[in-house]
C-alpha atoms as a PDB file:
ATOM      1  CA  UNK A   1     -15.163  -1.220  16.269  1.00  0.00           C
ATOM      2  CA  UNK A   2     -12.880   1.432  14.821  1.00  0.00           C
ATOM      3  CA  UNK A   3     -14.107   3.220  11.735  1.00  0.00           C
ATOM      4  CA  UNK A   4     -11.816   5.064   9.360  1.00  0.00           C
ATOM      5  CA  UNK A   5     -12.817   7.530   6.671  1.00  0.00           C
ATOM      6  CA  UNK A   6     -10.376   8.928   4.135  1.00  0.00           C
ATOM      7  CA  UNK A   7     -10.851  12.101   2.169  1.00  0.00           C
ATOM      8  CA  UNK A   8      -8.831  14.634   0.256  1.00  0.00           C
ATOM      9  CA  UNK A   9      -8.163  12.706  -2.935  1.00  0.00           C
ATOM     10  CA  UNK A  10      -8.709  14.130  -6.371  1.00  0.00           C
ATOM     11  CA  UNK A  11      -7.172  14.969  -9.722  1.00  0.00           C
ATOM     12  CA  UNK A  12      -3.882  16.851  -9.685  1.00  0.00           C
ATOM     13  CA  UNK A  13      -1.232  17.639 -12.280  1.00  0.00           C
ATOM     14  CA  UNK A  14       2.258  16.156 -12.052  1.00  0.00           C
ATOM     15  CA  UNK A  15       4.340  18.151  -9.616  1.00  0.00           C
ATOM     16  CA  UNK A  16       1.268  19.148  -7.640  1.00  0.00           C
ATOM     17  CA  UNK A  17       0.264  18.285  -4.111  1.00  0.00           C
ATOM     18  CA  UNK A  18      -2.592  16.867  -2.090  1.00  0.00           C
ATOM     19  CA  UNK A  19      -3.204  16.257   1.578  1.00  0.00           C
ATOM     20  CA  UNK A  20      -5.113  13.132   2.460  1.00  0.00           C
ATOM     21  CA  UNK A  21      -6.926  12.933   5.751  1.00  0.00           C
ATOM     22  CA  UNK A  22      -7.986   9.886   7.703  1.00  0.00           C
ATOM     23  CA  UNK A  23     -10.686  10.463  10.305  1.00  0.00           C
ATOM     24  CA  UNK A  24     -10.906   7.831  13.039  1.00  0.00           C
ATOM     25  CA  UNK A  25     -13.925   7.130  15.210  1.00  0.00           C
ATOM     26  CA  UNK A  26     -11.679   6.512  18.220  1.00  0.00           C
ATOM     27  CA  UNK A  27      -8.408   7.895  19.497  1.00  0.00           C
ATOM     28  CA  UNK A  28      -5.629   6.770  17.224  1.00  0.00           C
ATOM     29  CA  UNK A  29      -3.089   6.326  20.011  1.00  0.00           C
ATOM     30  CA  UNK A  30      -5.194   3.395  21.241  1.00  0.00           C
ATOM     31  CA  UNK A  31      -3.999   1.479  18.191  1.00  0.00           C
ATOM     32  CA  UNK A  32      -0.571   0.134  17.420  1.00  0.00           C
ATOM     33  CA  UNK A  33      -0.038   1.954  14.168  1.00  0.00           C
ATOM     34  CA  UNK A  34      -1.860   3.858  11.472  1.00  0.00           C
ATOM     35  CA  UNK A  35      -0.765   3.202   7.925  1.00  0.00           C
ATOM     36  CA  UNK A  36      -1.454   4.593   4.480  1.00  0.00           C
ATOM     37  CA  UNK A  37      -1.631   2.098   1.635  1.00  0.00           C
ATOM     38  CA  UNK A  38      -2.386   2.443  -2.034  1.00  0.00           C
ATOM     39  CA  UNK A  39      -3.577   0.185  -4.788  1.00  0.00           C
ATOM     40  CA  UNK A  40      -3.314   0.934  -8.470  1.00  0.00           C
ATOM     41  CA  UNK A  41      -5.350  -0.972 -11.076  1.00  0.00           C
ATOM     42  CA  UNK A  42      -3.914  -4.425 -11.659  1.00  0.00           C
ATOM     43  CA  UNK A  43      -1.415  -4.084  -8.826  1.00  0.00           C
ATOM     44  CA  UNK A  44      -1.223  -5.329  -5.285  1.00  0.00           C
ATOM     45  CA  UNK A  45      -1.931  -3.070  -2.363  1.00  0.00           C
ATOM     46  CA  UNK A  46       1.293  -1.562  -1.083  1.00  0.00           C
ATOM     47  CA  UNK A  47       2.369   0.307   2.010  1.00  0.00           C
ATOM     48  CA  UNK A  48       3.063   3.979   1.450  1.00  0.00           C
ATOM     49  CA  UNK A  49       3.648   5.274   4.946  1.00  0.00           C
ATOM     50  CA  UNK A  50       2.945   4.455   8.549  1.00  0.00           C
ATOM     51  CA  UNK A  51       3.175   6.071  11.957  1.00  0.00           C
ATOM     52  CA  UNK A  52       3.684   4.016  15.083  1.00  0.00           C
ATOM     53  CA  UNK A  53       1.599   5.070  18.077  1.00  0.00           C
ATOM     54  CA  UNK A  54       4.047   3.962  20.782  1.00  0.00           C
ATOM     55  CA  UNK A  55       6.961   6.191  19.792  1.00  0.00           C
ATOM     56  CA  UNK A  56       5.837   8.173  16.773  1.00  0.00           C
ATOM     57  CA  UNK A  57       8.315   6.486  14.491  1.00  0.00           C
ATOM     58  CA  UNK A  58       7.455   6.509  10.822  1.00  0.00           C
ATOM     59  CA  UNK A  59       7.953   4.446   7.700  1.00  0.00           C
ATOM     60  CA  UNK A  60       8.000   5.569   4.090  1.00  0.00           C
ATOM     61  CA  UNK A  61       8.199   3.489   0.963  1.00  0.00           C
ATOM     62  CA  UNK A  62      11.308   4.278  -1.062  1.00  0.00           C
ATOM     63  CA  UNK A  63       9.130   5.558  -3.891  1.00  0.00           C
ATOM     64  CA  UNK A  64       7.691   8.364  -1.748  1.00  0.00           C
ATOM     65  CA  UNK A  65      10.582   9.290   0.554  1.00  0.00           C
ATOM     66  CA  UNK A  66      11.249  12.985   0.517  1.00  0.00           C
ATOM     67  CA  UNK A  67       7.875  13.715  -1.095  1.00  0.00           C
ATOM     68  CA  UNK A  68       5.261  12.402   1.350  1.00  0.00           C
ATOM     69  CA  UNK A  69       4.904  13.176   5.043  1.00  0.00           C
ATOM     70  CA  UNK A  70       2.681  11.390   7.536  1.00  0.00           C
ATOM     71  CA  UNK A  71       1.439  13.114  10.671  1.00  0.00           C
ATOM     72  CA  UNK A  72      -1.217  12.687  13.277  1.00  0.00           C
ATOM     73  CA  UNK A  73      -3.373  14.776  15.553  1.00  0.00           C
ATOM     74  CA  UNK A  74      -4.479  12.467  18.321  1.00  0.00           C
ATOM     75  CA  UNK A  75      -6.803  15.040  19.869  1.00  0.00           C
ATOM     76  CA  UNK A  76      -8.719  15.350  16.625  1.00  0.00           C
ATOM     77  CA  UNK A  77      -8.420  11.611  15.911  1.00  0.00           C
ATOM     78  CA  UNK A  78      -6.901  12.410  12.543  1.00  0.00           C
ATOM     79  CA  UNK A  79      -3.968  11.119  10.524  1.00  0.00           C
ATOM     80  CA  UNK A  80      -2.721  12.996   7.478  1.00  0.00           C
ATOM     81  CA  UNK A  81      -0.626  12.218   4.449  1.00  0.00           C
ATOM     82  CA  UNK A  82       0.888  15.267   2.804  1.00  0.00           C
ATOM     83  CA  UNK A  83       1.847  14.364  -0.753  1.00  0.00           C
ATOM     84  CA  UNK A  84       4.109  16.744  -2.666  1.00  0.00           C
ATOM     85  CA  UNK A  85       5.751  16.551  -6.069  1.00  0.00           C
ATOM     86  CA  UNK A  86       3.177  14.062  -7.203  1.00  0.00           C
ATOM     87  CA  UNK A  87       3.947  11.794 -10.133  1.00  0.00           C
ATOM     88  CA  UNK A  88       1.658   9.883 -12.481  1.00  0.00           C
ATOM     89  CA  UNK A  89       2.833   6.670 -10.848  1.00  0.00           C
ATOM     90  CA  UNK A  90       1.303   7.862  -7.578  1.00  0.00           C
ATOM     91  CA  UNK A  91      -2.129   7.371  -9.131  1.00  0.00           C
ATOM     92  CA  UNK A  92      -4.047   4.869  -7.023  1.00  0.00           C
ATOM     93  CA  UNK A  93      -6.773   4.427  -4.461  1.00  0.00           C
ATOM     94  CA  UNK A  94      -5.322   5.392  -1.098  1.00  0.00           C
ATOM     95  CA  UNK A  95      -6.445   3.693   2.085  1.00  0.00           C
ATOM     96  CA  UNK A  96      -5.732   4.293   5.725  1.00  0.00           C
ATOM     97  CA  UNK A  97      -5.603   1.333   8.052  1.00  0.00           C
ATOM     98  CA  UNK A  98      -5.158   0.701  11.745  1.00  0.00           C
ATOM     99  CA  UNK A  99      -3.278  -1.985  13.591  1.00  0.00           C
ATOM    100  CA  UNK A 100      -5.266  -3.061  16.645  1.00  0.00           C
ATOM    101  CA  UNK A 101      -2.465  -4.462  18.778  1.00  0.00           C
ATOM    102  CA  UNK A 102       0.529  -2.769  20.326  1.00  0.00           C
ATOM    103  CA  UNK A 103       3.548  -2.704  18.057  1.00  0.00           C
ATOM    104  CA  UNK A 104       7.074  -1.352  18.242  1.00  0.00           C
ATOM    105  CA  UNK A 105       7.248  -0.943  14.504  1.00  0.00           C
ATOM    106  CA  UNK A 106       5.234  -0.096  11.436  1.00  0.00           C
ATOM    107  CA  UNK A 107       4.194  -3.264   9.605  1.00  0.00           C
ATOM    108  CA  UNK A 108       4.114  -2.901   5.849  1.00  0.00           C
ATOM    109  CA  UNK A 109       2.052  -6.010   5.158  1.00  0.00           C
ATOM    110  CA  UNK A 110      -1.597  -5.133   4.542  1.00  0.00           C
ATOM    111  CA  UNK A 111      -2.861  -8.357   6.088  1.00  0.00           C
ATOM    112  CA  UNK A 112      -1.519  -7.318   9.492  1.00  0.00           C
ATOM    113  CA  UNK A 113      -3.923  -4.392   9.721  1.00  0.00           C
ATOM    114  CA  UNK A 114      -7.307  -4.854  11.307  1.00  0.00           C
ATOM    115  CA  UNK A 115      -9.347  -1.850  10.219  1.00  0.00           C
ATOM    116  CA  UNK A 116      -9.597  -0.159   6.839  1.00  0.00           C
ATOM    117  CA  UNK A 117     -11.231   2.855   5.364  1.00  0.00           C
ATOM    118  CA  UNK A 118     -13.099   2.825   2.082  1.00  0.00           C
ATOM    119  CA  UNK A 119     -10.322   4.559   0.170  1.00  0.00           C
ATOM    120  CA  UNK A 120      -9.970   7.789  -1.741  1.00  0.00           C
ATOM    121  CA  UNK A 121      -8.910   8.095  -5.379  1.00  0.00           C
ATOM    122  CA  UNK A 122      -5.780  10.037  -6.249  1.00  0.00           C
ATOM    123  CA  UNK A 123      -5.168  10.686  -9.939  1.00  0.00           C
ATOM    124  CA  UNK A 124      -2.033  12.448 -11.137  1.00  0.00           C
ATOM    125  CA  UNK A 125      -2.384  13.455 -14.757  1.00  0.00           C
ATOM    126  CA  UNK A 126      -2.153  16.394 -17.130  1.00  0.00           C
END
């Protein structure tokens, strides 16, 4: 059973930055993809970014392109989400998730992911 733990969230002013970390209990390349999702109050969970383990390809939601960067360190069993130029609308609980099966892409549907962390709160406000 894969376990995921996110950390690095917090309160930041608009225009600021944060780096979220996702620590996995097993090697991340054993899983099809690792994704970052977020859920704001009253909204559905949405895909933010994803990295595919087979070829390293990535996905970014249009709302974060050019501001967020996903990366992974397989040796350390870590996946990161660097978030720059943060906006109030980025406020949400951020989750990392893992896709158990091999995949040639990065699914953006939350239900396709098999393992989830507990989430970390990101608040962007003055």
